[in-house]
C-alpha atoms as a PDB file:
ATOM      1  CA  UNK A   1     -88.821  59.798  -5.095  1.00  0.00           C
ATOM      2  CA  UNK A   2     -92.126  58.853  -6.737  1.00  0.00           C
ATOM      3  CA  UNK A   3     -90.446  56.279  -8.952  1.00  0.00           C
ATOM      4  CA  UNK A   4     -87.608  58.583 -10.045  1.00  0.00           C
ATOM      5  CA  UNK A   5     -84.495  56.715  -8.913  1.00  0.00           C
ATOM      6  CA  UNK A   6     -80.926  57.816  -9.733  1.00  0.00           C
ATOM      7  CA  UNK A   7     -78.777  55.097 -11.346  1.00  0.00           C
ATOM      8  CA  UNK A   8     -76.056  53.587  -9.135  1.00  0.00           C
ATOM      9  CA  UNK A   9     -73.455  53.104 -11.869  1.00  0.00           C
ATOM     10  CA  UNK A  10     -70.954  55.947 -12.212  1.00  0.00           C
ATOM     11  CA  UNK A  11     -71.794  56.931 -15.790  1.00  0.00           C
ATOM     12  CA  UNK A  12     -75.551  56.821 -15.217  1.00  0.00           C
ATOM     13  CA  UNK A  13     -75.332  58.709 -11.914  1.00  0.00           C
ATOM     14  CA  UNK A  14     -73.261  61.506 -13.445  1.00  0.00           C
ATOM     15  CA  UNK A  15     -75.696  61.763 -16.360  1.00  0.00           C
ATOM     16  CA  UNK A  16     -78.558  62.017 -13.863  1.00  0.00           C
ATOM     17  CA  UNK A  17     -76.699  64.762 -11.972  1.00  0.00           C
ATOM     18  CA  UNK A  18     -75.990  66.587 -15.237  1.00  0.00           C
ATOM     19  CA  UNK A  19     -79.726  66.800 -15.959  1.00  0.00           C
ATOM     20  CA  UNK A  20     -80.475  68.554 -12.647  1.00  0.00           C
ATOM     21  CA  UNK A  21     -81.535  72.226 -12.896  1.00  0.00           C
ATOM     22  CA  UNK A  22     -78.496  73.342 -10.873  1.00  0.00           C
ATOM     23  CA  UNK A  23     -75.149  72.408 -12.540  1.00  0.00           C
ATOM     24  CA  UNK A  24     -73.308  72.846  -9.221  1.00  0.00           C
ATOM     25  CA  UNK A  25     -73.919  69.264  -8.092  1.00  0.00           C
ATOM     26  CA  UNK A  26     -72.776  67.726 -11.376  1.00  0.00           C
ATOM     27  CA  UNK A  27     -69.621  69.827 -11.600  1.00  0.00           C
ATOM     28  CA  UNK A  28     -68.680  69.053  -7.996  1.00  0.00           C
ATOM     29  CA  UNK A  29     -69.260  65.313  -8.496  1.00  0.00           C
ATOM     30  CA  UNK A  30     -67.440  65.248 -11.823  1.00  0.00           C
ATOM     31  CA  UNK A  31     -64.104  66.260 -10.291  1.00  0.00           C
ATOM     32  CA  UNK A  32     -64.565  64.553  -6.901  1.00  0.00           C
ATOM     33  CA  UNK A  33     -62.453  61.558  -5.887  1.00  0.00           C
ATOM     34  CA  UNK A  34     -64.801  58.605  -5.210  1.00  0.00           C
ATOM     35  CA  UNK A  35     -64.128  56.839  -1.904  1.00  0.00           C
ATOM     36  CA  UNK A  36     -66.572  53.956  -2.375  1.00  0.00           C
ATOM     37  CA  UNK A  37     -68.854  52.575  -5.082  1.00  0.00           C
ATOM     38  CA  UNK A  38     -72.241  54.278  -5.425  1.00  0.00           C
ATOM     39  CA  UNK A  39     -74.898  52.643  -3.273  1.00  0.00           C
ATOM     40  CA  UNK A  40     -78.628  53.228  -3.396  1.00  0.00           C
ATOM     41  CA  UNK A  41     -81.171  53.216  -0.586  1.00  0.00           C
ATOM     42  CA  UNK A  42     -84.881  53.867  -0.656  1.00  0.00           C
ATOM     43  CA  UNK A  43     -88.066  53.366   1.293  1.00  0.00           C
ATOM     44  CA  UNK A  44     -91.487  52.829  -0.308  1.00  0.00           C
ATOM     45  CA  UNK A  45     -93.528  54.959   2.082  1.00  0.00           C
ATOM     46  CA  UNK A  46     -93.856  57.259   5.050  1.00  0.00           C
ATOM     47  CA  UNK A  47     -96.051  55.898   7.812  1.00  0.00           C
ATOM     48  CA  UNK A  48     -97.558  57.242  11.032  1.00  0.00           C
ATOM     49  CA  UNK A  49     -99.285  54.799  13.344  1.00  0.00           C
ATOM     50  CA  UNK A  50    -101.717  56.646  15.619  1.00  0.00           C
ATOM     51  CA  UNK A  51    -101.257  54.682  18.817  1.00  0.00           C
ATOM     52  CA  UNK A  52    -102.435  57.735  20.759  1.00  0.00           C
ATOM     53  CA  UNK A  53    -105.942  57.167  19.373  1.00  0.00           C
ATOM     54  CA  UNK A  54    -106.314  53.685  20.829  1.00  0.00           C
ATOM     55  CA  UNK A  55    -108.991  53.412  23.519  1.00  0.00           C
ATOM     56  CA  UNK A  56    -107.205  50.677  25.458  1.00  0.00           C
ATOM     57  CA  UNK A  57    -103.486  50.367  26.086  1.00  0.00           C
ATOM     58  CA  UNK A  58    -101.425  47.598  27.725  1.00  0.00           C
ATOM     59  CA  UNK A  59     -99.705  48.563  30.969  1.00  0.00           C
ATOM     60  CA  UNK A  60     -95.907  48.796  30.818  1.00  0.00           C
ATOM     61  CA  UNK A  61     -95.802  48.969  27.020  1.00  0.00           C
ATOM     62  CA  UNK A  62     -94.706  52.005  24.971  1.00  0.00           C
ATOM     63  CA  UNK A  63     -93.938  52.574  21.274  1.00  0.00           C
ATOM     64  CA  UNK A  64     -91.445  55.091  19.945  1.00  0.00           C
ATOM     65  CA  UNK A  65     -89.113  55.893  17.034  1.00  0.00           C
ATOM     66  CA  UNK A  66     -89.798  54.421  13.596  1.00  0.00           C
ATOM     67  CA  UNK A  67     -92.346  52.042  15.101  1.00  0.00           C
ATOM     68  CA  UNK A  68     -94.581  55.114  15.523  1.00  0.00           C
ATOM     69  CA  UNK A  69     -93.568  57.167  12.513  1.00  0.00           C
ATOM     70  CA  UNK A  70     -91.054  56.624   9.702  1.00  0.00           C
ATOM     71  CA  UNK A  71     -90.227  59.431   7.287  1.00  0.00           C
ATOM     72  CA  UNK A  72     -88.751  59.731   3.830  1.00  0.00           C
ATOM     73  CA  UNK A  73     -84.998  59.544   4.628  1.00  0.00           C
ATOM     74  CA  UNK A  74     -84.208  62.375   2.194  1.00  0.00           C
ATOM     75  CA  UNK A  75     -85.201  64.868   4.932  1.00  0.00           C
ATOM     76  CA  UNK A  76     -82.857  63.386   7.566  1.00  0.00           C
ATOM     77  CA  UNK A  77     -85.417  63.852  10.351  1.00  0.00           C
ATOM     78  CA  UNK A  78     -85.978  60.320  11.643  1.00  0.00           C
ATOM     79  CA  UNK A  79     -83.083  60.196  14.127  1.00  0.00           C
ATOM     80  CA  UNK A  80     -83.895  63.668  15.419  1.00  0.00           C
ATOM     81  CA  UNK A  81     -87.510  62.684  16.044  1.00  0.00           C
ATOM     82  CA  UNK A  82     -86.353  59.540  17.849  1.00  0.00           C
ATOM     83  CA  UNK A  83     -84.096  61.682  20.045  1.00  0.00           C
ATOM     84  CA  UNK A  84     -87.008  64.026  20.793  1.00  0.00           C
ATOM     85  CA  UNK A  85     -89.110  60.966  21.670  1.00  0.00           C
ATOM     86  CA  UNK A  86     -86.404  59.853  24.111  1.00  0.00           C
ATOM     87  CA  UNK A  87     -86.326  63.297  25.721  1.00  0.00           C
ATOM     88  CA  UNK A  88     -90.116  63.214  25.995  1.00  0.00           C
ATOM     89  CA  UNK A  89     -89.944  59.804  27.671  1.00  0.00           C
ATOM     90  CA  UNK A  90     -87.428  61.154  30.176  1.00  0.00           C
ATOM     91  CA  UNK A  91     -89.619  64.175  30.949  1.00  0.00           C
ATOM     92  CA  UNK A  92     -92.760  62.074  31.313  1.00  0.00           C
ATOM     93  CA  UNK A  93     -90.979  59.603  33.638  1.00  0.00           C
ATOM     94  CA  UNK A  94     -89.778  62.463  35.816  1.00  0.00           C
ATOM     95  CA  UNK A  95     -93.321  63.889  35.947  1.00  0.00           C
ATOM     96  CA  UNK A  96     -94.667  60.421  36.736  1.00  0.00           C
ATOM     97  CA  UNK A  97     -92.289  60.080  39.681  1.00  0.00           C
ATOM     98  CA  UNK A  98     -93.553  63.355  41.134  1.00  0.00           C
ATOM     99  CA  UNK A  99     -97.228  62.770  40.320  1.00  0.00           C
ATOM    100  CA  UNK A 100     -98.065  59.214  39.142  1.00  0.00           C
ATOM    101  CA  UNK A 101    -100.621  58.857  36.327  1.00  0.00           C
ATOM    102  CA  UNK A 102    -102.838  55.816  35.950  1.00  0.00           C
ATOM    103  CA  UNK A 103    -102.581  56.047  32.157  1.00  0.00           C
ATOM    104  CA  UNK A 104     -98.868  56.926  31.942  1.00  0.00           C
ATOM    105  CA  UNK A 105     -98.211  54.852  28.810  1.00  0.00           C
ATOM    106  CA  UNK A 106    -101.157  56.303  26.903  1.00  0.00           C
ATOM    107  CA  UNK A 107    -100.235  59.804  28.073  1.00  0.00           C
ATOM    108  CA  UNK A 108     -96.717  59.294  26.683  1.00  0.00           C
ATOM    109  CA  UNK A 109     -98.087  58.185  23.298  1.00  0.00           C
ATOM    110  CA  UNK A 110    -100.120  61.400  23.119  1.00  0.00           C
ATOM    111  CA  UNK A 111     -97.013  63.473  23.844  1.00  0.00           C
ATOM    112  CA  UNK A 112     -95.055  61.628  21.156  1.00  0.00           C
ATOM    113  CA  UNK A 113     -97.893  62.269  18.694  1.00  0.00           C
ATOM    114  CA  UNK A 114     -97.582  66.015  19.335  1.00  0.00           C
ATOM    115  CA  UNK A 115     -93.891  65.867  18.376  1.00  0.00           C
ATOM    116  CA  UNK A 116     -94.670  63.805  15.299  1.00  0.00           C
ATOM    117  CA  UNK A 117     -97.439  66.044  13.951  1.00  0.00           C
ATOM    118  CA  UNK A 118     -95.346  69.026  12.847  1.00  0.00           C
ATOM    119  CA  UNK A 119     -92.580  66.876  11.345  1.00  0.00           C
ATOM    120  CA  UNK A 120     -95.140  64.762   9.497  1.00  0.00           C
ATOM    121  CA  UNK A 121     -96.628  67.933   7.994  1.00  0.00           C
ATOM    122  CA  UNK A 122     -93.214  69.042   6.706  1.00  0.00           C
ATOM    123  CA  UNK A 123     -92.392  65.684   5.129  1.00  0.00           C
ATOM    124  CA  UNK A 124     -95.767  64.808   3.615  1.00  0.00           C
ATOM    125  CA  UNK A 125     -96.393  68.329   2.330  1.00  0.00           C
ATOM    126  CA  UNK A 126     -93.325  68.049   0.115  1.00  0.00           C
ATOM    127  CA  UNK A 127     -93.843  64.406  -0.878  1.00  0.00           C
ATOM    128  CA  UNK A 128     -97.450  65.012  -1.909  1.00  0.00           C
ATOM    129  CA  UNK A 129     -96.279  67.477  -4.549  1.00  0.00           C
ATOM    130  CA  UNK A 130     -95.506  64.433  -6.689  1.00  0.00           C
ATOM    131  CA  UNK A 131     -98.625  63.237  -8.557  1.00  0.00           C
ATOM    132  CA  UNK A 132     -97.739  59.551  -8.112  1.00  0.00           C
ATOM    133  CA  UNK A 133     -97.489  59.871  -4.302  1.00  0.00           C
ATOM    134  CA  UNK A 134    -100.777  58.907  -2.669  1.00  0.00           C
ATOM    135  CA  UNK A 135    -102.052  59.413   0.875  1.00  0.00           C
ATOM    136  CA  UNK A 136    -103.661  56.309   2.373  1.00  0.00           C
ATOM    137  CA  UNK A 137    -105.651  56.106   5.586  1.00  0.00           C
ATOM    138  CA  UNK A 138    -106.181  59.852   5.884  1.00  0.00           C
ATOM    139  CA  UNK A 139    -107.327  62.991   4.119  1.00  0.00           C
ATOM    140  CA  UNK A 140    -105.005  65.708   2.804  1.00  0.00           C
ATOM    141  CA  UNK A 141    -104.941  68.865   4.874  1.00  0.00           C
ATOM    142  CA  UNK A 142    -107.061  71.435   2.962  1.00  0.00           C
ATOM    143  CA  UNK A 143    -104.389  74.060   3.615  1.00  0.00           C
ATOM    144  CA  UNK A 144    -101.575  72.097   1.945  1.00  0.00           C
ATOM    145  CA  UNK A 145    -101.857  73.898  -1.397  1.00  0.00           C
ATOM    146  CA  UNK A 146    -101.534  77.288   0.296  1.00  0.00           C
ATOM    147  CA  UNK A 147     -98.614  75.996   2.383  1.00  0.00           C
ATOM    148  CA  UNK A 148     -96.809  74.721  -0.729  1.00  0.00           C
ATOM    149  CA  UNK A 149     -97.260  78.051  -2.481  1.00  0.00           C
ATOM    150  CA  UNK A 150     -95.853  79.837   0.549  1.00  0.00           C
ATOM    151  CA  UNK A 151     -92.891  77.447   0.749  1.00  0.00           C
ATOM    152  CA  UNK A 152     -92.212  78.119  -2.938  1.00  0.00           C
ATOM    153  CA  UNK A 153     -91.843  81.794  -2.006  1.00  0.00           C
ATOM    154  CA  UNK A 154     -89.596  80.853   0.913  1.00  0.00           C
ATOM    155  CA  UNK A 155     -87.257  78.857  -1.338  1.00  0.00           C
ATOM    156  CA  UNK A 156     -87.370  81.506  -4.078  1.00  0.00           C
ATOM    157  CA  UNK A 157     -86.275  84.088  -1.497  1.00  0.00           C
ATOM    158  CA  UNK A 158     -83.778  81.853   0.304  1.00  0.00           C
ATOM    159  CA  UNK A 159     -81.624  81.659  -2.842  1.00  0.00           C
ATOM    160  CA  UNK A 160     -80.662  85.324  -2.437  1.00  0.00           C
ATOM    161  CA  UNK A 161     -81.221  85.877   1.308  1.00  0.00           C
ATOM    162  CA  UNK A 162     -78.962  83.864   3.664  1.00  0.00           C
ATOM    163  CA  UNK A 163     -81.116  84.765   6.678  1.00  0.00           C
ATOM    164  CA  UNK A 164     -84.218  83.208   5.135  1.00  0.00           C
ATOM    165  CA  UNK A 165     -82.181  80.204   3.995  1.00  0.00           C
ATOM    166  CA  UNK A 166     -80.870  79.639   7.528  1.00  0.00           C
ATOM    167  CA  UNK A 167     -84.338  79.988   9.049  1.00  0.00           C
ATOM    168  CA  UNK A 168     -85.761  77.420   6.629  1.00  0.00           C
ATOM    169  CA  UNK A 169     -82.832  75.065   7.219  1.00  0.00           C
ATOM    170  CA  UNK A 170     -83.392  75.329  10.991  1.00  0.00           C
ATOM    171  CA  UNK A 171     -86.979  74.179  10.485  1.00  0.00           C
ATOM    172  CA  UNK A 172     -85.892  71.252   8.301  1.00  0.00           C
ATOM    173  CA  UNK A 173     -83.405  69.997  10.918  1.00  0.00           C
ATOM    174  CA  UNK A 174     -86.018  70.585  13.662  1.00  0.00           C
ATOM    175  CA  UNK A 175     -83.886  73.201  15.426  1.00  0.00           C
ATOM    176  CA  UNK A 176     -86.779  75.680  15.068  1.00  0.00           C
ATOM    177  CA  UNK A 177     -90.546  75.082  15.042  1.00  0.00           C
ATOM    178  CA  UNK A 178     -92.389  75.311  11.692  1.00  0.00           C
ATOM    179  CA  UNK A 179     -94.368  78.316  12.887  1.00  0.00           C
ATOM    180  CA  UNK A 180     -91.116  80.319  12.996  1.00  0.00           C
ATOM    181  CA  UNK A 181     -91.489  80.693   9.215  1.00  0.00           C
ATOM    182  CA  UNK A 182     -94.888  82.380   9.507  1.00  0.00           C
ATOM    183  CA  UNK A 183     -94.069  84.982  12.133  1.00  0.00           C
ATOM    184  CA  UNK A 184     -95.047  88.455  10.872  1.00  0.00           C
ATOM    185  CA  UNK A 185     -91.482  89.760  10.540  1.00  0.00           C
ATOM    186  CA  UNK A 186     -90.364  86.666   8.611  1.00  0.00           C
ATOM    187  CA  UNK A 187     -93.414  86.719   6.324  1.00  0.00           C
ATOM    188  CA  UNK A 188     -92.795  90.400   5.545  1.00  0.00           C
ATOM    189  CA  UNK A 189     -89.117  89.707   4.783  1.00  0.00           C
ATOM    190  CA  UNK A 190     -89.988  86.821   2.455  1.00  0.00           C
ATOM    191  CA  UNK A 191     -92.574  88.885   0.588  1.00  0.00           C
ATOM    192  CA  UNK A 192     -90.184  91.823   0.135  1.00  0.00           C
ATOM    193  CA  UNK A 193     -87.249  89.674  -1.009  1.00  0.00           C
ATOM    194  CA  UNK A 194     -89.332  87.518  -3.380  1.00  0.00           C
ATOM    195  CA  UNK A 195     -90.989  90.596  -4.904  1.00  0.00           C
ATOM    196  CA  UNK A 196     -87.635  92.268  -5.524  1.00  0.00           C
ATOM    197  CA  UNK A 197     -86.170  89.136  -7.054  1.00  0.00           C
ATOM    198  CA  UNK A 198     -89.190  88.586  -9.323  1.00  0.00           C
ATOM    199  CA  UNK A 199     -89.118  92.243 -10.438  1.00  0.00           C
ATOM    200  CA  UNK A 200     -85.457  92.227 -11.561  1.00  0.00           C
ATOM    201  CA  UNK A 201     -86.059  90.630 -14.995  1.00  0.00           C
ATOM    202  CA  UNK A 202     -89.020  92.967 -15.569  1.00  0.00           C
ATOM    203  CA  UNK A 203     -86.739  95.943 -14.934  1.00  0.00           C
ATOM    204  CA  UNK A 204     -84.125  94.643 -17.367  1.00  0.00           C
ATOM    205  CA  UNK A 205     -81.694  93.606 -14.639  1.00  0.00           C
ATOM    206  CA  UNK A 206     -79.803  90.347 -14.667  1.00  0.00           C
ATOM    207  CA  UNK A 207     -81.434  87.897 -12.264  1.00  0.00           C
ATOM    208  CA  UNK A 208     -79.465  85.681  -9.930  1.00  0.00           C
ATOM    209  CA  UNK A 209     -79.767  82.134 -11.367  1.00  0.00           C
ATOM    210  CA  UNK A 210     -79.898  80.771  -7.847  1.00  0.00           C
ATOM    211  CA  UNK A 211     -77.230  78.115  -8.294  1.00  0.00           C
ATOM    212  CA  UNK A 212     -75.429  76.767  -5.247  1.00  0.00           C
ATOM    213  CA  UNK A 213     -72.071  77.824  -6.715  1.00  0.00           C
ATOM    214  CA  UNK A 214     -71.237  81.201  -8.204  1.00  0.00           C
ATOM    215  CA  UNK A 215     -70.611  81.551 -11.971  1.00  0.00           C
ATOM    216  CA  UNK A 216     -66.907  82.121 -11.234  1.00  0.00           C
ATOM    217  CA  UNK A 217     -66.589  78.898  -9.227  1.00  0.00           C
ATOM    218  CA  UNK A 218     -68.588  76.930 -11.805  1.00  0.00           C
ATOM    219  CA  UNK A 219     -66.306  78.176 -14.569  1.00  0.00           C
ATOM    220  CA  UNK A 220     -63.213  77.083 -12.629  1.00  0.00           C
ATOM    221  CA  UNK A 221     -64.705  73.635 -12.010  1.00  0.00           C
ATOM    222  CA  UNK A 222     -65.523  73.167 -15.691  1.00  0.00           C
ATOM    223  CA  UNK A 223     -61.864  73.790 -16.521  1.00  0.00           C
ATOM    224  CA  UNK A 224     -60.742  70.902 -14.315  1.00  0.00           C
ATOM    225  CA  UNK A 225     -60.538  67.310 -15.649  1.00  0.00           C
ATOM    226  CA  UNK A 226     -62.924  64.667 -14.380  1.00  0.00           C
ATOM    227  CA  UNK A 227     -61.847  61.923 -11.980  1.00  0.00           C
ATOM    228  CA  UNK A 228     -63.268  58.471 -12.728  1.00  0.00           C
ATOM    229  CA  UNK A 229     -64.400  55.863 -10.207  1.00  0.00           C
ATOM    230  CA  UNK A 230     -61.613  53.524 -11.254  1.00  0.00           C
ATOM    231  CA  UNK A 231     -58.886  56.099 -10.611  1.00  0.00           C
END
């Protein structure tokens, strides 16, 4: 991401994992049995081609999947969006059979764009946090800074609240719409949980470090010997 690429040799990859803020990943990798060599994969950009904005469209021709929009693979959303595109195509074909449209193909591209918009916001909002990531061919949404600050609260709260964590995960995998995270009850829950968590150190209480693994599990992992790639 943004020029920060993990090494693909075993020693370098483990050192990279060791430098992460959460030691859980490093400790789990250190004792894991490798099944294959480490392989790297990356993509230089996200792109969204706005075919729905074209004034003229060839009859019998449609565009879908990555040809319309390709996302940073770290979010794992591309295949889900392609599946949603396929479902949209099926629905539009069924509607077209009942009530034919002269501009069916263009109508379909507009429906696909509606699906793409919310997922694009999720992906680009996070990617644009990195100063070396640049937006070309468009202007940043003026509300992105507020959205990032709110998502910081969501993640801060999700560490100690499984319900918030599950709700956020559902949005990431596109099982729930993004607006599910800004419903009044959810916003109130996030504000209460984040306030309580932030207040703990001020009250002299030990704060949850927010690691994926508990201190007890981490301690047990550290006591186990490492397994090398050549084993």
